[in-house]
Protein backbone atom coordinates (compact mmCIF):
# COMPACT_ATOMS: atom_id res chain seq x y z
CA MET A 1 -41.38 7.53 1.03
CA PRO A 2 -38.46 6.33 -1.13
CA GLU A 3 -35.24 5.37 0.54
CA PRO A 4 -32.56 8.10 0.29
CA SER A 5 -29.73 7.61 -2.17
CA LEU A 6 -26.32 6.69 -0.82
CA ILE A 7 -25.03 10.22 -1.44
CA GLU A 8 -28.01 11.72 0.44
CA GLN A 9 -27.34 9.31 3.31
CA LEU A 10 -23.66 10.30 3.41
CA ARG A 11 -24.55 14.02 3.43
CA ALA A 12 -27.11 13.55 6.21
CA ASP A 13 -24.56 11.62 8.27
CA LEU A 14 -21.98 14.36 7.67
CA THR A 15 -24.43 16.95 9.00
CA THR A 16 -25.08 14.80 12.07
CA ALA A 17 -21.33 14.30 12.62
CA ARG A 18 -20.77 18.05 12.44
CA LYS A 19 -23.54 18.70 14.95
CA ASP A 20 -22.10 16.02 17.26
CA ARG A 21 -18.60 17.50 16.81
CA ASP A 22 -17.34 14.05 15.78
CA LYS A 23 -14.03 15.07 14.20
CA LEU A 24 -13.02 11.70 12.70
CA ARG A 25 -16.44 11.08 11.14
CA THR A 26 -16.70 14.68 9.85
CA THR A 27 -13.25 14.57 8.25
CA THR A 28 -13.74 11.12 6.74
CA LEU A 29 -17.17 11.83 5.27
CA SER A 30 -16.29 15.28 3.93
CA THR A 31 -13.14 13.89 2.30
CA PHE A 32 -15.09 11.07 0.71
CA LEU A 33 -17.90 13.35 -0.47
CA SER A 34 -15.33 15.61 -2.13
CA GLU A 35 -14.00 12.52 -3.96
CA VAL A 36 -17.57 11.82 -5.11
CA LYS A 37 -17.97 15.44 -6.28
CA ASN A 38 -14.68 15.29 -8.20
CA LYS A 39 -15.80 12.07 -9.92
CA GLU A 40 -19.13 13.70 -10.85
CA ILE A 41 -17.25 16.66 -12.35
CA ASP A 42 -14.95 14.31 -14.31
CA LEU A 43 -17.91 12.36 -15.69
CA GLY A 44 -20.17 15.38 -16.18
CA HIS A 45 -23.15 13.82 -14.40
CA GLY A 46 -24.32 12.58 -11.02
CA LEU A 47 -23.38 9.15 -9.71
CA ALA A 48 -25.70 6.22 -9.11
CA ASP A 49 -25.49 4.32 -5.83
CA GLU A 50 -23.52 1.55 -7.58
CA ASP A 51 -20.88 4.08 -8.70
CA VAL A 52 -20.65 5.48 -5.16
CA ARG A 53 -20.18 1.95 -3.80
CA GLY A 54 -17.30 1.48 -6.24
CA LEU A 55 -15.69 4.68 -4.95
CA LEU A 56 -16.26 3.51 -1.36
CA THR A 57 -14.53 0.21 -2.11
CA THR A 58 -11.55 2.05 -3.59
CA ALA A 59 -11.38 4.48 -0.65
CA ILE A 60 -11.47 1.63 1.86
CA LYS A 61 -8.77 -0.28 -0.02
CA ARG A 62 -6.60 2.86 -0.15
CA ARG A 63 -6.94 3.32 3.62
CA ARG A 64 -6.16 -0.35 4.28
CA GLU A 65 -2.98 -0.09 2.19
CA ALA A 66 -2.00 3.16 3.91
CA ALA A 67 -2.49 1.54 7.32
CA GLU A 68 -0.20 -1.35 6.31
CA GLN A 69 2.48 1.13 5.24
CA MET A 70 2.10 3.10 8.47
CA ARG A 71 2.50 -0.06 10.53
CA ALA A 72 5.58 -1.01 8.51
CA GLY A 73 6.97 2.43 9.35
CA SER A 74 6.15 2.01 13.07
CA ARG A 75 3.47 4.74 12.95
CA VAL A 76 0.82 2.79 14.84
CA GLU A 77 -1.36 5.80 15.76
CA LEU A 78 -1.63 6.85 12.10
CA ALA A 79 -2.33 3.26 11.04
CA GLU A 80 -5.17 3.04 13.58
CA LYS A 81 -6.67 6.30 12.27
CA GLU A 82 -6.63 4.94 8.69
CA GLU A 83 -8.25 1.70 9.89
CA GLN A 84 -10.95 3.63 11.77
CA GLU A 85 -11.71 5.67 8.64
CA GLY A 86 -11.90 2.48 6.57
CA ALA A 87 -14.27 0.86 9.07
CA LEU A 88 -16.43 3.99 9.09
CA LEU A 89 -16.76 3.90 5.29
CA GLN A 90 -17.29 0.11 5.28
CA ALA A 91 -20.60 0.68 7.10
CA TYR A 92 -22.02 2.22 3.89
CA LEU A 93 -21.42 -0.94 1.85
CA PRO A 94 -23.71 -3.97 1.82
CA PRO A 95 -22.67 -6.69 4.30
CA ALA A 96 -19.57 -8.61 3.25
CA LEU A 97 -20.00 -12.05 1.74
CA GLY A 98 -18.74 -15.10 3.56
CA GLU A 99 -16.15 -17.41 2.03
CA ASP A 100 -18.70 -20.25 1.77
CA GLU A 101 -21.12 -18.04 -0.20
CA VAL A 102 -18.35 -17.06 -2.60
CA ARG A 103 -17.19 -20.69 -3.03
CA SER A 104 -20.79 -21.57 -3.93
CA MET A 105 -20.88 -18.80 -6.57
CA ILE A 106 -17.58 -20.07 -7.99
CA ARG A 107 -18.95 -23.65 -8.20
CA ASP A 108 -22.06 -22.34 -9.98
CA ALA A 109 -19.95 -20.40 -12.48
CA ILE A 110 -17.79 -23.47 -13.21
CA SER A 111 -20.84 -25.70 -13.64
CA ALA A 112 -22.33 -23.07 -15.99
CA GLY A 113 -19.36 -23.56 -18.29
CA ALA A 114 -16.59 -21.18 -17.15
CA LYS A 115 -13.37 -23.11 -17.64
CA ASP A 116 -10.55 -20.69 -16.77
CA VAL A 117 -9.74 -18.09 -14.12
CA GLY A 118 -10.83 -15.21 -16.37
CA GLY A 119 -14.18 -16.78 -17.18
CA VAL A 120 -15.00 -17.60 -13.57
CA MET A 121 -13.88 -14.17 -12.34
CA LYS A 122 -16.01 -12.47 -15.03
CA ALA A 123 -19.05 -14.48 -13.91
CA VAL A 124 -18.57 -13.96 -10.16
CA MET A 125 -17.12 -10.41 -9.89
CA PRO A 126 -20.37 -8.45 -10.44
CA ALA A 127 -22.02 -10.21 -7.47
CA THR A 128 -19.01 -9.84 -5.17
CA LYS A 129 -17.89 -6.31 -6.07
CA GLY A 130 -17.43 -4.31 -2.89
CA ARG A 131 -18.52 -7.25 -0.76
CA PHE A 132 -15.50 -9.57 -1.02
CA ASP A 133 -11.78 -8.92 -1.52
CA GLY A 134 -10.68 -9.35 -5.14
CA LYS A 135 -7.31 -10.96 -4.29
CA GLU A 136 -9.04 -13.46 -2.03
CA LEU A 137 -11.62 -14.19 -4.75
CA ASN A 138 -8.84 -14.87 -7.24
CA ARG A 139 -7.20 -17.29 -4.78
CA LEU A 140 -10.50 -19.17 -4.25
CA VAL A 141 -11.11 -19.39 -8.02
CA ARG A 142 -7.63 -20.83 -8.59
CA GLU A 143 -8.19 -23.38 -5.78
CA ALA A 144 -11.55 -24.44 -7.23
CA LEU A 145 -10.13 -24.85 -10.75
CA ALA A 146 -7.10 -26.78 -9.49
CA GLY A 147 -9.21 -29.06 -7.30
C-alpha cells in the first residue's frame, strides 16, 4: 500500500485530534489545512508534498517570529502557545540537519566551483530547505568563504 501524502496524513491526524478532543492540535492542524486549501485555490491545482513542506516551513517560521514578539511584549503564555504550535507542525517535516552535515554540503559546493555566497547558497538550499534555518545557512556559507 502506498504511503499517504502529507495532506492525507495531516487530515487523518486532524480527525484523530478531534476525536481525542485535543484543542491545540485540532486548532493548529485545521488552521494549517485551511492555509493549504487557500494555496491550492490560488494556484488552481492540488499541492505536492514538497509544496506542503514549504508551507509548513513558512508557518513554523511565522509562529517562531510571533513567539519572539509575544515574549518581547511580556506575553509569555501566548508565546508558549505559538511555540507549541510550531513544534507540532515541525513533526511533519523531515528531521532537521545538523550543522556538521550542512558544513559538509557547503564544502562540497565550494569544491564543485561555487565561488561566492550566491553560488554556494544556490547549490546548498534545495537540500536544506525546511531542514535548516536559512539565516544560519547564510552565516555558515560566509564563514566558509572567509576561512
